[in-house]
C-alpha atoms as a PDB file:
ATOM      1  CA  MET A   1       0.000   0.000   0.000  1.00  0.00           C
ATOM      2  CA  ALA A   2       1.022   3.576  -0.511  1.00  0.00           C
ATOM      3  CA  LYS A   3       2.509   5.655   2.268  1.00  0.00           C
ATOM      4  CA  ASN A   4       0.177   8.116   3.982  1.00  0.00           C
ATOM      5  CA  ASP A   5       1.564  11.112   2.044  1.00  0.00           C
ATOM      6  CA  ASP A   6       1.304   9.260  -1.268  1.00  0.00           C
ATOM      7  CA  LEU A   7      -2.205   8.095  -0.449  1.00  0.00           C
ATOM      8  CA  ALA A   8      -3.243  11.632   0.530  1.00  0.00           C
ATOM      9  CA  ARG A   9      -1.868  12.897  -2.805  1.00  0.00           C
ATOM     10  CA  ILE A  10      -3.721  10.174  -4.695  1.00  0.00           C
ATOM     11  CA  ILE A  11      -6.990  10.928  -2.855  1.00  0.00           C
ATOM     12  CA  THR A  12      -6.587  14.642  -3.579  1.00  0.00           C
ATOM     13  CA  GLY A  13      -6.071  13.747  -7.240  1.00  0.00           C
ATOM     14  CA  CYS A  14      -9.218  11.608  -7.208  1.00  0.00           C
ATOM     15  CA  LYS A  15     -11.211  14.442  -5.658  1.00  0.00           C
ATOM     16  CA  SER A  16     -10.091  16.729  -8.479  1.00  0.00           C
ATOM     17  CA  GLY A  17     -11.123  14.140 -11.082  1.00  0.00           C
ATOM     18  CA  ASP A  18      -7.649  12.970 -12.100  1.00  0.00           C
ATOM     19  CA  SER A  19      -8.102   9.643 -13.901  1.00  0.00           C
ATOM     20  CA  GLU A  20      -4.516   8.580 -13.171  1.00  0.00           C
ATOM     21  CA  SER A  21      -5.204   8.915  -9.427  1.00  0.00           C
ATOM     22  CA  PHE A  22      -8.311   6.762  -9.777  1.00  0.00           C
ATOM     23  CA  SER A  23      -6.228   4.187 -11.665  1.00  0.00           C
ATOM     24  CA  GLN A  24      -3.755   4.133  -8.786  1.00  0.00           C
ATOM     25  CA  VAL A  25      -6.569   3.531  -6.276  1.00  0.00           C
ATOM     26  CA  VAL A  26      -7.900   0.714  -8.450  1.00  0.00           C
ATOM     27  CA  ASP A  27      -4.409  -0.818  -8.676  1.00  0.00           C
ATOM     28  CA  MET A  28      -4.002  -0.570  -4.897  1.00  0.00           C
ATOM     29  CA  TYR A  29      -7.368  -1.943  -3.787  1.00  0.00           C
ATOM     30  CA  ALA A  30      -9.203  -3.837  -6.559  1.00  0.00           C
ATOM     31  CA  SER A  31      -7.846  -7.309  -5.824  1.00  0.00           C
ATOM     32  CA  ARG A  32      -8.374  -6.920  -2.103  1.00  0.00           C
ATOM     33  CA  PHE A  33     -11.994  -5.873  -2.487  1.00  0.00           C
ATOM     34  CA  TYR A  34     -12.620  -8.524  -5.118  1.00  0.00           C
ATOM     35  CA  GLY A  35     -11.398 -11.071  -2.542  1.00  0.00           C
ATOM     36  CA  TYR A  36     -13.629  -9.529   0.116  1.00  0.00           C
ATOM     37  CA  PHE A  37     -16.691  -9.824  -2.112  1.00  0.00           C
ATOM     38  CA  TYR A  38     -15.740 -13.302  -3.291  1.00  0.00           C
ATOM     39  CA  ARG A  39     -15.377 -14.572   0.269  1.00  0.00           C
ATOM     40  CA  LEU A  40     -18.814 -13.168   1.091  1.00  0.00           C
ATOM     41  CA  THR A  41     -20.625 -14.419  -2.025  1.00  0.00           C
ATOM     42  CA  GLY A  42     -18.566 -17.362  -3.275  1.00  0.00           C
ATOM     43  CA  ASN A  43     -19.428 -16.272  -6.794  1.00  0.00           C
ATOM     44  CA  ARG A  44     -16.965 -14.754  -9.262  1.00  0.00           C
ATOM     45  CA  GLU A  45     -19.507 -12.943 -11.427  1.00  0.00           C
ATOM     46  CA  THR A  46     -21.248 -11.443  -8.426  1.00  0.00           C
ATOM     47  CA  SER A  47     -17.888 -10.405  -6.981  1.00  0.00           C
ATOM     48  CA  ASP A  48     -16.974  -8.719 -10.266  1.00  0.00           C
ATOM     49  CA  ASP A  49     -20.318  -6.896 -10.272  1.00  0.00           C
ATOM     50  CA  LEU A  50     -19.969  -5.765  -6.656  1.00  0.00           C
ATOM     51  CA  LEU A  51     -16.387  -4.624  -7.255  1.00  0.00           C
ATOM     52  CA  SER A  52     -17.519  -2.630 -10.308  1.00  0.00           C
ATOM     53  CA  GLU A  53     -20.258  -1.041  -8.224  1.00  0.00           C
ATOM     54  CA  LEU A  54     -17.713  -0.171  -5.525  1.00  0.00           C
ATOM     55  CA  LEU A  55     -15.457   1.532  -8.063  1.00  0.00           C
ATOM     56  CA  VAL A  56     -18.369   3.489  -9.534  1.00  0.00           C
ATOM     57  CA  LYS A  57     -19.435   4.563  -6.035  1.00  0.00           C
ATOM     58  CA  LEU A  58     -15.843   5.526  -5.258  1.00  0.00           C
ATOM     59  CA  VAL A  59     -15.891   7.977  -8.174  1.00  0.00           C
ATOM     60  CA  GLY A  60     -19.206   9.423  -7.007  1.00  0.00           C
ATOM     61  CA  LYS A  61     -18.431   9.547  -3.293  1.00  0.00           C
ATOM     62  CA  ILE A  62     -14.728  10.426  -3.159  1.00  0.00           C
ATOM     63  CA  SER A  63     -15.571  14.033  -2.362  1.00  0.00           C
ATOM     64  CA  SER A  64     -17.328  12.859   0.840  1.00  0.00           C
ATOM     65  CA  PHE A  65     -14.098  11.336   2.211  1.00  0.00           C
ATOM     66  CA  LYS A  66     -13.103  13.705   5.017  1.00  0.00           C
ATOM     67  CA  GLY A  67     -10.001  11.977   6.308  1.00  0.00           C
ATOM     68  CA  GLY A  68      -9.268   9.143   8.663  1.00  0.00           C
ATOM     69  CA  SER A  69      -8.617   5.642   7.399  1.00  0.00           C
ATOM     70  CA  PHE A  70      -9.291   5.541   3.643  1.00  0.00           C
ATOM     71  CA  GLU A  71      -9.333   1.754   3.762  1.00  0.00           C
ATOM     72  CA  SER A  72     -11.992   1.706   6.499  1.00  0.00           C
ATOM     73  CA  TRP A  73     -14.012   4.216   4.517  1.00  0.00           C
ATOM     74  CA  LEU A  74     -13.805   1.965   1.438  1.00  0.00           C
ATOM     75  CA  PHE A  75     -14.703  -1.132   3.460  1.00  0.00           C
ATOM     76  CA  LYS A  76     -17.729   0.706   4.848  1.00  0.00           C
ATOM     77  CA  ILE A  77     -18.888   1.449   1.279  1.00  0.00           C
ATOM     78  CA  ALA A  78     -18.141  -2.153   0.266  1.00  0.00           C
ATOM     79  CA  SER A  79     -20.105  -3.430   3.241  1.00  0.00           C
ATOM     80  CA  ASN A  80     -23.055  -1.201   2.329  1.00  0.00           C
ATOM     81  CA  ILE A  81     -22.912  -2.442  -1.268  1.00  0.00           C
ATOM     82  CA  PHE A  82     -22.949  -6.016  -0.047  1.00  0.00           C
ATOM     83  CA  HIS A  83     -25.951  -5.364   2.194  1.00  0.00           C
ATOM     84  CA  ASP A  84     -27.762  -3.621  -0.664  1.00  0.00           C
ATOM     85  CA  TYR A  85     -27.060  -6.663  -2.794  1.00  0.00           C
ATOM     86  CA  LEU A  86     -28.630  -8.922  -0.168  1.00  0.00           C
ATOM     87  CA  ARG A  87     -31.658  -6.687   0.248  1.00  0.00           C
ATOM     88  CA  ASN A  88     -32.237  -6.665  -3.511  1.00  0.00           C
ATOM     89  CA  LYS A  89     -32.162 -10.434  -3.709  1.00  0.00           C
ATOM     90  CA  GLN A  90     -35.526 -11.965  -2.887  1.00  0.00           C
ATOM     91  CA  ARG A  91     -33.970 -15.396  -2.884  1.00  0.00           C
ATOM     92  CA  GLN A  92     -31.192 -14.721  -0.359  1.00  0.00           C
ATOM     93  CA  LYS A  93     -31.505 -18.019   1.488  1.00  0.00           C
ATOM     94  CA  LYS A  94     -31.741 -20.007  -1.726  1.00  0.00           C
ATOM     95  CA  LEU A  95     -28.595 -18.399  -3.127  1.00  0.00           C
ATOM     96  CA  PHE A  96     -26.500 -19.278  -0.083  1.00  0.00           C
ATOM     97  CA  GLU A  97     -27.921 -22.811  -0.066  1.00  0.00           C
ATOM     98  CA  VAL A  98     -26.796 -23.282  -3.675  1.00  0.00           C
ATOM     99  CA  ILE A  99     -23.333 -21.942  -2.833  1.00  0.00           C
ATOM    100  CA  ARG A 100     -23.093 -24.187   0.232  1.00  0.00           C
ATOM    101  CA  LYS A 101     -24.007 -27.281  -1.811  1.00  0.00           C
ATOM    102  CA  GLN A 102     -21.515 -26.317  -4.514  1.00  0.00           C
ATOM    103  CA  TYR A 103     -18.651 -26.143  -2.011  1.00  0.00           C
ATOM    104  CA  GLU A 104     -19.708 -29.299  -0.184  1.00  0.00           C
ATOM    105  CA  SER A 105     -19.653 -31.246  -3.440  1.00  0.00           C
ATOM    106  CA  GLU A 106     -16.105 -30.018  -4.112  1.00  0.00           C
ATOM    107  CA  VAL A 107     -14.806 -31.439  -0.814  1.00  0.00           C
ATOM    108  CA  THR A 108     -14.553 -35.132  -1.613  1.00  0.00           C
ATOM    109  CA  GLU A 109     -11.712 -36.545   0.461  1.00  0.00           C
ATOM    110  CA  THR A 110     -11.629 -36.827   4.229  1.00  0.00           C
ATOM    111  CA  LYS A 111      -7.859 -36.298   4.325  1.00  0.00           C
ATOM    112  CA  GLN A 112      -7.338 -32.622   3.679  1.00  0.00           C
ATOM    113  CA  SER A 113      -4.497 -30.943   1.860  1.00  0.00           C
ATOM    114  CA  GLY A 114      -3.974 -27.173   2.192  1.00  0.00           C
ATOM    115  CA  SER A 115      -6.369 -26.318  -0.648  1.00  0.00           C
ATOM    116  CA  GLU A 116      -8.965 -28.803   0.608  1.00  0.00           C
ATOM    117  CA  ARG A 117      -8.797 -27.195   4.047  1.00  0.00           C
ATOM    118  CA  ILE A 118      -9.415 -23.807   2.439  1.00  0.00           C
ATOM    119  CA  ASP A 119     -12.386 -25.315   0.576  1.00  0.00           C
ATOM    120  CA  LYS A 120     -13.719 -26.677   3.854  1.00  0.00           C
ATOM    121  CA  LEU A 121     -13.270 -23.284   5.496  1.00  0.00           C
ATOM    122  CA  GLN A 122     -15.204 -21.622   2.650  1.00  0.00           C
ATOM    123  CA  THR A 123     -17.946 -24.241   2.948  1.00  0.00           C
ATOM    124  CA  GLN A 124     -18.244 -23.767   6.686  1.00  0.00           C
ATOM    125  CA  LEU A 125     -18.174 -19.969   6.350  1.00  0.00           C
ATOM    126  CA  SER A 126     -21.095 -20.214   3.937  1.00  0.00           C
ATOM    127  CA  ARG A 127     -23.042 -22.127   6.610  1.00  0.00           C
ATOM    128  CA  LEU A 128     -22.793 -19.185   9.020  1.00  0.00           C
ATOM    129  CA  ASP A 129     -25.419 -16.456   8.955  1.00  0.00           C
ATOM    130  CA  THR A 130     -24.603 -13.492   6.731  1.00  0.00           C
ATOM    131  CA  ASP A 131     -23.926 -11.077   9.595  1.00  0.00           C
ATOM    132  CA  THR A 132     -21.473 -13.428  11.311  1.00  0.00           C
ATOM    133  CA  ARG A 133     -19.700 -14.299   8.047  1.00  0.00           C
ATOM    134  CA  GLU A 134     -19.273 -10.618   7.192  1.00  0.00           C
ATOM    135  CA  LEU A 135     -17.957  -9.831  10.682  1.00  0.00           C
ATOM    136  CA  ILE A 136     -15.322 -12.584  10.419  1.00  0.00           C
ATOM    137  CA  MET A 137     -14.333 -11.402   6.939  1.00  0.00           C
ATOM    138  CA  LEU A 138     -13.992  -7.782   8.067  1.00  0.00           C
ATOM    139  CA  ARG A 139     -11.764  -8.818  10.969  1.00  0.00           C
ATOM    140  CA  PHE A 140      -9.565 -11.443   9.356  1.00  0.00           C
ATOM    141  CA  TYR A 141      -9.677 -10.727   5.625  1.00  0.00           C
ATOM    142  CA  SER A 142      -9.751  -6.942   5.645  1.00  0.00           C
ATOM    143  CA  GLN A 143      -7.700  -6.909   8.876  1.00  0.00           C
ATOM    144  CA  ALA A 144      -9.902  -4.148  10.267  1.00  0.00           C
ATOM    145  CA  SER A 145      -9.502  -3.430  13.963  1.00  0.00           C
ATOM    146  CA  PHE A 146     -12.326  -4.154  16.377  1.00  0.00           C
ATOM    147  CA  LYS A 147     -12.850  -0.427  16.792  1.00  0.00           C
ATOM    148  CA  GLU A 148     -13.044   0.120  13.016  1.00  0.00           C
ATOM    149  CA  ILE A 149     -15.551  -2.713  12.664  1.00  0.00           C
ATOM    150  CA  ALA A 150     -17.677  -1.358  15.506  1.00  0.00           C
ATOM    151  CA  VAL A 151     -17.720   2.085  13.876  1.00  0.00           C
ATOM    152  CA  MET A 152     -18.560   0.594  10.445  1.00  0.00           C
ATOM    153  CA  ARG A 153     -21.422  -1.373  11.961  1.00  0.00           C
ATOM    154  CA  SER A 154     -22.614   1.471  14.215  1.00  0.00           C
ATOM    155  CA  GLU A 155     -22.540  -0.700  17.319  1.00  0.00           C
ATOM    156  CA  PRO A 156     -20.638  -0.690  20.628  1.00  0.00           C
ATOM    157  CA  ILE A 157     -17.225  -2.357  20.498  1.00  0.00           C
ATOM    158  CA  GLY A 158     -18.320  -4.837  23.174  1.00  0.00           C
ATOM    159  CA  THR A 159     -21.162  -6.006  20.943  1.00  0.00           C
ATOM    160  CA  THR A 160     -18.754  -6.418  18.049  1.00  0.00           C
ATOM    161  CA  LEU A 161     -16.321  -8.417  20.190  1.00  0.00           C
ATOM    162  CA  SER A 162     -19.102 -10.615  21.527  1.00  0.00           C
ATOM    163  CA  LYS A 163     -20.561 -11.322  18.085  1.00  0.00           C
ATOM    164  CA  LEU A 164     -17.117 -12.125  16.676  1.00  0.00           C
ATOM    165  CA  HIS A 165     -16.314 -14.444  19.601  1.00  0.00           C
ATOM    166  CA  ARG A 166     -19.604 -16.343  19.161  1.00  0.00           C
ATOM    167  CA  GLY A 167     -19.081 -16.509  15.400  1.00  0.00           C
ATOM    168  CA  LEU A 168     -15.581 -17.932  15.761  1.00  0.00           C
ATOM    169  CA  LYS A 169     -16.854 -20.546  18.224  1.00  0.00           C
ATOM    170  CA  LYS A 170     -19.533 -21.586  15.698  1.00  0.00           C
ATOM    171  CA  LEU A 171     -16.960 -21.751  12.906  1.00  0.00           C
ATOM    172  CA  GLN A 172     -14.590 -23.793  15.093  1.00  0.00           C
ATOM    173  CA  LYS A 173     -17.349 -26.342  15.808  1.00  0.00           C
ATOM    174  CA  LEU A 174     -18.218 -26.537  12.108  1.00  0.00           C
ATOM    175  CA  MET A 175     -14.563 -27.142  11.208  1.00  0.00           C
ATOM    176  CA  GLU A 176     -14.193 -30.088  13.625  1.00  0.00           C
END
């Protein structure tokens, strides 16, 4: 990632409409946010669509960035996009059931190599409720701090910690 001064310069360039600055932001964050969306949806096309929506929103909302952690600000927008996606899908439960079955069918051996363990983790993550899965992804995939997550979710930090603890316990039981 860029140093704070470089990032501030890039953000200033984005605010003034400099396409090169936007390209730099895309280069810096696109793969990370694609991974975030993919871990939440398990679907490449959907992840591409959500990433595209994030980048479009970035162009439209960059002027509202007032400082602080740019990454947290982007993750907040990404989280909102993901929640909008879920709200717009009438078949939310059906979609996650299809994804869960897809991953379960891919795990065929009981002895697990590294990639099979990752597949099992993805399968078990998909079995968690959406809120818990997102919370785990924000903490461990985006590496957001507990405080940042609590602010993003507009909830007390204690609630965030408690939800994450319960979610990790559920995931641990599913992985056994």
